[in-house]
């Protein structure tokens, strides 16, 4: 990487900022101190993680996804909340994109954990398997060092940016699905009499 070239880490942060902001806005609507808010938040994450087919290599992969999905399933079961519709599989080929989004979500969950802990409902506190998973801060630091040493320009960097953007979109779709109001059952059609 030349002195004047932007590193991949900077490009990830800058190019994906609008998508990240949309995603943050979507998930900030979930009040984690209420049953509907926590359930929707957890169900959205469960749907997104279940759709990911991880890339080989990197700092994250199927073992992490399995651990997060198991924790989400335990919490959703405790809350009596059903899973959302399955999302189309998202097959990844770029471990740097996968690591950026999944490790970033682990760090972000620490802020959300504080919001969840501020609630007073003990039933909601019993549904904390997912929010209590470790933040993986050491892995995040290793990712940041690696992304800071890689060039932010070129075909490979473009692929990482595109795939990370696709992951943000996947989570946004899941968040929007979880935020939809429950569908009303249509009233039965009755024969009109004159």
C-alpha atoms as a PDB file:
ATOM      1  CA  UNK A   1       0.000   0.000   0.000  1.00  0.00           C
ATOM      2  CA  UNK A   2       1.398   3.418  -0.936  1.00  0.00           C
ATOM      3  CA  UNK A   3       1.512   6.322   1.492  1.00  0.00           C
ATOM      4  CA  UNK A   4      -1.354   8.127  -0.285  1.00  0.00           C
ATOM      5  CA  UNK A   5      -3.691   5.206  -0.660  1.00  0.00           C
ATOM      6  CA  UNK A   6      -6.657   4.895   1.638  1.00  0.00           C
ATOM      7  CA  UNK A   7      -6.628   1.647   3.667  1.00  0.00           C
ATOM      8  CA  UNK A   8      -9.499  -0.802   3.462  1.00  0.00           C
ATOM      9  CA  UNK A   9     -10.571  -0.007   7.018  1.00  0.00           C
ATOM     10  CA  UNK A  10     -11.156   3.670   6.136  1.00  0.00           C
ATOM     11  CA  UNK A  11     -13.000   2.773   2.988  1.00  0.00           C
ATOM     12  CA  UNK A  12     -15.285   0.341   4.834  1.00  0.00           C
ATOM     13  CA  UNK A  13     -16.158   3.004   7.369  1.00  0.00           C
ATOM     14  CA  UNK A  14     -16.672   5.806   4.831  1.00  0.00           C
ATOM     15  CA  UNK A  15     -18.334   3.971   1.936  1.00  0.00           C
ATOM     16  CA  UNK A  16     -20.726   2.068   4.166  1.00  0.00           C
ATOM     17  CA  UNK A  17     -21.611   4.960   6.509  1.00  0.00           C
ATOM     18  CA  UNK A  18     -25.015   5.658   4.871  1.00  0.00           C
ATOM     19  CA  UNK A  19     -26.020   1.990   5.068  1.00  0.00           C
ATOM     20  CA  UNK A  20     -24.781   1.771   8.642  1.00  0.00           C
ATOM     21  CA  UNK A  21     -26.822   4.849   9.585  1.00  0.00           C
ATOM     22  CA  UNK A  22     -29.984   3.364   8.024  1.00  0.00           C
ATOM     23  CA  UNK A  23     -29.401   0.142   9.908  1.00  0.00           C
ATOM     24  CA  UNK A  24     -28.820   1.955  13.207  1.00  0.00           C
ATOM     25  CA  UNK A  25     -31.997   3.990  12.675  1.00  0.00           C
ATOM     26  CA  UNK A  26     -33.984   0.830  11.980  1.00  0.00           C
ATOM     27  CA  UNK A  27     -32.778  -1.027  15.053  1.00  0.00           C
ATOM     28  CA  UNK A  28     -32.963   1.981  17.373  1.00  0.00           C
ATOM     29  CA  UNK A  29     -36.765   1.798  17.004  1.00  0.00           C
ATOM     30  CA  UNK A  30     -36.771  -1.437  19.002  1.00  0.00           C
ATOM     31  CA  UNK A  31     -37.222  -0.669  22.709  1.00  0.00           C
ATOM     32  CA  UNK A  32     -35.207  -3.436  24.358  1.00  0.00           C
ATOM     33  CA  UNK A  33     -36.900  -2.781  27.719  1.00  0.00           C
ATOM     34  CA  UNK A  34     -40.241  -4.037  26.366  1.00  0.00           C
ATOM     35  CA  UNK A  35     -41.274  -7.532  25.316  1.00  0.00           C
ATOM     36  CA  UNK A  36     -42.285  -6.527  21.748  1.00  0.00           C
ATOM     37  CA  UNK A  37     -39.127  -4.480  21.258  1.00  0.00           C
ATOM     38  CA  UNK A  38     -36.726  -7.110  22.565  1.00  0.00           C
ATOM     39  CA  UNK A  39     -38.539  -9.932  20.757  1.00  0.00           C
ATOM     40  CA  UNK A  40     -38.499  -8.075  17.443  1.00  0.00           C
ATOM     41  CA  UNK A  41     -34.836  -7.150  17.797  1.00  0.00           C
ATOM     42  CA  UNK A  42     -33.849 -10.739  18.595  1.00  0.00           C
ATOM     43  CA  UNK A  43     -36.037 -12.216  15.844  1.00  0.00           C
ATOM     44  CA  UNK A  44     -34.530  -9.865  13.249  1.00  0.00           C
ATOM     45  CA  UNK A  45     -30.995 -10.841  14.207  1.00  0.00           C
ATOM     46  CA  UNK A  46     -31.904 -14.519  14.210  1.00  0.00           C
ATOM     47  CA  UNK A  47     -33.338 -14.255  10.673  1.00  0.00           C
ATOM     48  CA  UNK A  48     -30.278 -12.407   9.356  1.00  0.00           C
ATOM     49  CA  UNK A  49     -27.697 -14.706  10.965  1.00  0.00           C
ATOM     50  CA  UNK A  50     -29.560 -17.809   9.752  1.00  0.00           C
ATOM     51  CA  UNK A  51     -29.397 -16.545   6.160  1.00  0.00           C
ATOM     52  CA  UNK A  52     -25.604 -16.114   6.158  1.00  0.00           C
ATOM     53  CA  UNK A  53     -23.510 -18.780   4.464  1.00  0.00           C
ATOM     54  CA  UNK A  54     -20.048 -17.778   5.683  1.00  0.00           C
ATOM     55  CA  UNK A  55     -16.895 -17.382   3.659  1.00  0.00           C
ATOM     56  CA  UNK A  56     -13.972 -19.654   4.475  1.00  0.00           C
ATOM     57  CA  UNK A  57     -11.187 -18.116   6.515  1.00  0.00           C
ATOM     58  CA  UNK A  58     -11.270 -14.934   8.510  1.00  0.00           C
ATOM     59  CA  UNK A  59     -11.908 -14.438  12.195  1.00  0.00           C
ATOM     60  CA  UNK A  60     -15.596 -15.378  12.084  1.00  0.00           C
ATOM     61  CA  UNK A  61     -17.489 -18.226  10.515  1.00  0.00           C
ATOM     62  CA  UNK A  62     -20.071 -20.927  11.045  1.00  0.00           C
ATOM     63  CA  UNK A  63     -19.063 -21.629  14.665  1.00  0.00           C
ATOM     64  CA  UNK A  64     -19.770 -18.014  15.655  1.00  0.00           C
ATOM     65  CA  UNK A  65     -23.023 -17.965  13.701  1.00  0.00           C
ATOM     66  CA  UNK A  66     -24.123 -21.213  15.374  1.00  0.00           C
ATOM     67  CA  UNK A  67     -23.324 -19.787  18.819  1.00  0.00           C
ATOM     68  CA  UNK A  68     -25.256 -16.584  18.148  1.00  0.00           C
ATOM     69  CA  UNK A  69     -28.249 -18.419  16.639  1.00  0.00           C
ATOM     70  CA  UNK A  70     -28.408 -20.828  19.600  1.00  0.00           C
ATOM     71  CA  UNK A  71     -28.395 -17.880  22.025  1.00  0.00           C
ATOM     72  CA  UNK A  72     -31.097 -16.103  20.015  1.00  0.00           C
ATOM     73  CA  UNK A  73     -33.225 -19.262  19.878  1.00  0.00           C
ATOM     74  CA  UNK A  74     -32.971 -19.636  23.661  1.00  0.00           C
ATOM     75  CA  UNK A  75     -34.041 -16.010  24.188  1.00  0.00           C
ATOM     76  CA  UNK A  76     -36.904 -16.160  21.683  1.00  0.00           C
ATOM     77  CA  UNK A  77     -38.129 -19.406  23.230  1.00  0.00           C
ATOM     78  CA  UNK A  78     -38.038 -17.795  26.671  1.00  0.00           C
ATOM     79  CA  UNK A  79     -40.094 -14.869  25.341  1.00  0.00           C
ATOM     80  CA  UNK A  80     -42.505 -17.144  23.467  1.00  0.00           C
ATOM     81  CA  UNK A  81     -41.772 -15.373  20.185  1.00  0.00           C
ATOM     82  CA  UNK A  82     -41.848 -17.120  16.827  1.00  0.00           C
ATOM     83  CA  UNK A  83     -39.120 -16.751  14.249  1.00  0.00           C
ATOM     84  CA  UNK A  84     -39.547 -14.430  11.286  1.00  0.00           C
ATOM     85  CA  UNK A  85     -39.847 -15.684   7.727  1.00  0.00           C
ATOM     86  CA  UNK A  86     -36.640 -17.186   6.395  1.00  0.00           C
ATOM     87  CA  UNK A  87     -34.576 -14.804   4.309  1.00  0.00           C
ATOM     88  CA  UNK A  88     -32.884 -15.835   1.073  1.00  0.00           C
ATOM     89  CA  UNK A  89     -29.445 -17.320   1.718  1.00  0.00           C
ATOM     90  CA  UNK A  90     -26.587 -14.837   1.575  1.00  0.00           C
ATOM     91  CA  UNK A  91     -23.488 -16.696   0.361  1.00  0.00           C
ATOM     92  CA  UNK A  92     -20.286 -14.900   1.285  1.00  0.00           C
ATOM     93  CA  UNK A  93     -16.907 -15.134  -0.387  1.00  0.00           C
ATOM     94  CA  UNK A  94     -15.072 -12.273   1.350  1.00  0.00           C
ATOM     95  CA  UNK A  95     -13.995 -13.059   4.936  1.00  0.00           C
ATOM     96  CA  UNK A  96     -13.033  -9.408   5.504  1.00  0.00           C
ATOM     97  CA  UNK A  97     -16.610  -8.307   4.776  1.00  0.00           C
ATOM     98  CA  UNK A  98     -17.983 -11.005   7.048  1.00  0.00           C
ATOM     99  CA  UNK A  99     -15.582 -10.132   9.853  1.00  0.00           C
ATOM    100  CA  UNK A 100     -16.346  -6.413   9.567  1.00  0.00           C
ATOM    101  CA  UNK A 101     -20.075  -6.900   9.972  1.00  0.00           C
ATOM    102  CA  UNK A 102     -20.169  -9.801  12.438  1.00  0.00           C
ATOM    103  CA  UNK A 103     -17.433  -8.505  14.735  1.00  0.00           C
ATOM    104  CA  UNK A 104     -18.921  -5.022  14.524  1.00  0.00           C
ATOM    105  CA  UNK A 105     -22.277  -6.436  15.584  1.00  0.00           C
ATOM    106  CA  UNK A 106     -20.668  -8.105  18.612  1.00  0.00           C
ATOM    107  CA  UNK A 107     -19.224  -4.767  19.716  1.00  0.00           C
ATOM    108  CA  UNK A 108     -22.487  -2.957  19.029  1.00  0.00           C
ATOM    109  CA  UNK A 109     -24.360  -5.460  21.152  1.00  0.00           C
ATOM    110  CA  UNK A 110     -22.494  -4.138  24.209  1.00  0.00           C
ATOM    111  CA  UNK A 111     -24.180  -0.738  23.866  1.00  0.00           C
ATOM    112  CA  UNK A 112     -27.519  -2.458  23.322  1.00  0.00           C
ATOM    113  CA  UNK A 113     -26.903  -4.651  26.344  1.00  0.00           C
ATOM    114  CA  UNK A 114     -26.795  -1.538  28.544  1.00  0.00           C
ATOM    115  CA  UNK A 115     -30.145  -0.418  27.143  1.00  0.00           C
ATOM    116  CA  UNK A 116     -31.640  -3.864  27.770  1.00  0.00           C
ATOM    117  CA  UNK A 117     -30.261  -3.969  31.326  1.00  0.00           C
ATOM    118  CA  UNK A 118     -31.952  -0.618  32.065  1.00  0.00           C
ATOM    119  CA  UNK A 119     -35.328  -2.354  31.859  1.00  0.00           C
ATOM    120  CA  UNK A 120     -37.104  -3.493  35.000  1.00  0.00           C
ATOM    121  CA  UNK A 121     -38.919  -6.593  33.748  1.00  0.00           C
ATOM    122  CA  UNK A 122     -37.230  -9.719  35.182  1.00  0.00           C
ATOM    123  CA  UNK A 123     -38.716 -11.852  32.407  1.00  0.00           C
ATOM    124  CA  UNK A 124     -36.847  -9.781  29.855  1.00  0.00           C
ATOM    125  CA  UNK A 125     -33.643 -10.021  31.875  1.00  0.00           C
ATOM    126  CA  UNK A 126     -33.989 -13.800  31.732  1.00  0.00           C
ATOM    127  CA  UNK A 127     -33.822 -13.543  27.923  1.00  0.00           C
ATOM    128  CA  UNK A 128     -30.249 -12.274  27.764  1.00  0.00           C
ATOM    129  CA  UNK A 129     -28.292 -15.126  26.213  1.00  0.00           C
ATOM    130  CA  UNK A 130     -27.585 -13.227  22.997  1.00  0.00           C
ATOM    131  CA  UNK A 131     -26.860  -9.830  24.527  1.00  0.00           C
ATOM    132  CA  UNK A 132     -24.574 -11.471  27.083  1.00  0.00           C
ATOM    133  CA  UNK A 133     -22.292 -13.142  24.531  1.00  0.00           C
ATOM    134  CA  UNK A 134     -18.679 -11.876  24.672  1.00  0.00           C
ATOM    135  CA  UNK A 135     -17.923  -8.773  22.576  1.00  0.00           C
ATOM    136  CA  UNK A 136     -14.916 -10.371  20.802  1.00  0.00           C
ATOM    137  CA  UNK A 137     -12.885  -7.182  21.272  1.00  0.00           C
ATOM    138  CA  UNK A 138      -9.534  -8.903  20.625  1.00  0.00           C
ATOM    139  CA  UNK A 139     -10.796 -10.259  17.308  1.00  0.00           C
ATOM    140  CA  UNK A 140     -12.101  -6.794  16.395  1.00  0.00           C
ATOM    141  CA  UNK A 141      -8.668  -5.272  17.104  1.00  0.00           C
ATOM    142  CA  UNK A 142      -7.009  -7.963  14.948  1.00  0.00           C
ATOM    143  CA  UNK A 143      -9.473  -7.244  12.155  1.00  0.00           C
ATOM    144  CA  UNK A 144      -8.792  -3.486  12.380  1.00  0.00           C
ATOM    145  CA  UNK A 145      -5.031  -4.024  12.143  1.00  0.00           C
ATOM    146  CA  UNK A 146      -5.433  -6.260   9.117  1.00  0.00           C
ATOM    147  CA  UNK A 147      -7.926  -3.922   7.384  1.00  0.00           C
ATOM    148  CA  UNK A 148      -5.640  -0.948   8.063  1.00  0.00           C
ATOM    149  CA  UNK A 149      -2.783  -2.746   6.306  1.00  0.00           C
ATOM    150  CA  UNK A 150      -4.798  -3.684   3.201  1.00  0.00           C
ATOM    151  CA  UNK A 151      -5.310  -1.324   0.269  1.00  0.00           C
ATOM    152  CA  UNK A 152      -8.728   0.263  -0.046  1.00  0.00           C
ATOM    153  CA  UNK A 153      -8.591   0.488  -3.834  1.00  0.00           C
ATOM    154  CA  UNK A 154      -8.795  -2.267  -6.404  1.00  0.00           C
ATOM    155  CA  UNK A 155     -11.005  -5.192  -7.332  1.00  0.00           C
ATOM    156  CA  UNK A 156     -10.478  -7.066  -4.071  1.00  0.00           C
ATOM    157  CA  UNK A 157     -11.372  -4.047  -1.945  1.00  0.00           C
ATOM    158  CA  UNK A 158     -14.417  -3.395  -4.136  1.00  0.00           C
ATOM    159  CA  UNK A 159     -15.609  -6.962  -3.519  1.00  0.00           C
ATOM    160  CA  UNK A 160     -15.223  -6.564   0.245  1.00  0.00           C
ATOM    161  CA  UNK A 161     -17.162  -3.280   0.221  1.00  0.00           C
ATOM    162  CA  UNK A 162     -19.938  -4.755  -1.929  1.00  0.00           C
ATOM    163  CA  UNK A 163     -20.314  -7.851   0.230  1.00  0.00           C
ATOM    164  CA  UNK A 164     -20.269  -5.908   3.512  1.00  0.00           C
ATOM    165  CA  UNK A 165     -22.923  -3.608   2.030  1.00  0.00           C
ATOM    166  CA  UNK A 166     -25.000  -6.652   1.148  1.00  0.00           C
ATOM    167  CA  UNK A 167     -24.778  -7.838   4.742  1.00  0.00           C
ATOM    168  CA  UNK A 168     -25.977  -4.455   6.009  1.00  0.00           C
ATOM    169  CA  UNK A 169     -28.895  -4.723   3.581  1.00  0.00           C
ATOM    170  CA  UNK A 170     -29.685  -8.230   4.848  1.00  0.00           C
ATOM    171  CA  UNK A 171     -29.908  -6.974   8.436  1.00  0.00           C
ATOM    172  CA  UNK A 172     -31.993  -3.993   7.325  1.00  0.00           C
ATOM    173  CA  UNK A 173     -34.487  -6.305   5.598  1.00  0.00           C
ATOM    174  CA  UNK A 174     -34.720  -8.460   8.734  1.00  0.00           C
ATOM    175  CA  UNK A 175     -35.158  -5.379  10.933  1.00  0.00           C
ATOM    176  CA  UNK A 176     -37.905  -4.028   8.710  1.00  0.00           C
ATOM    177  CA  UNK A 177     -39.665  -7.415   8.715  1.00  0.00           C
ATOM    178  CA  UNK A 178     -39.544  -7.519  12.516  1.00  0.00           C
ATOM    179  CA  UNK A 179     -40.882  -3.965  12.803  1.00  0.00           C
ATOM    180  CA  UNK A 180     -43.944  -4.630  10.654  1.00  0.00           C
ATOM    181  CA  UNK A 181     -47.204  -4.644  12.589  1.00  0.00           C
ATOM    182  CA  UNK A 182     -48.780  -8.090  12.949  1.00  0.00           C
ATOM    183  CA  UNK A 183     -51.027  -8.973  10.049  1.00  0.00           C
ATOM    184  CA  UNK A 184     -54.703  -8.730  10.845  1.00  0.00           C
ATOM    185  CA  UNK A 185     -56.816 -11.741  10.015  1.00  0.00           C
ATOM    186  CA  UNK A 186     -59.280 -10.695   7.335  1.00  0.00           C
ATOM    187  CA  UNK A 187     -62.911 -10.803   8.340  1.00  0.00           C
ATOM    188  CA  UNK A 188     -64.788 -13.681   6.723  1.00  0.00           C
ATOM    189  CA  UNK A 189     -66.835 -12.783   3.692  1.00  0.00           C
ATOM    190  CA  UNK A 190     -70.537 -12.969   4.374  1.00  0.00           C
ATOM    191  CA  UNK A 191     -73.347 -13.169   1.890  1.00  0.00           C
ATOM    192  CA  UNK A 192     -75.141  -9.895   1.615  1.00  0.00           C
ATOM    193  CA  UNK A 193     -78.901 -10.065   1.888  1.00  0.00           C
ATOM    194  CA  UNK A 194     -81.170  -7.473   0.367  1.00  0.00           C
END
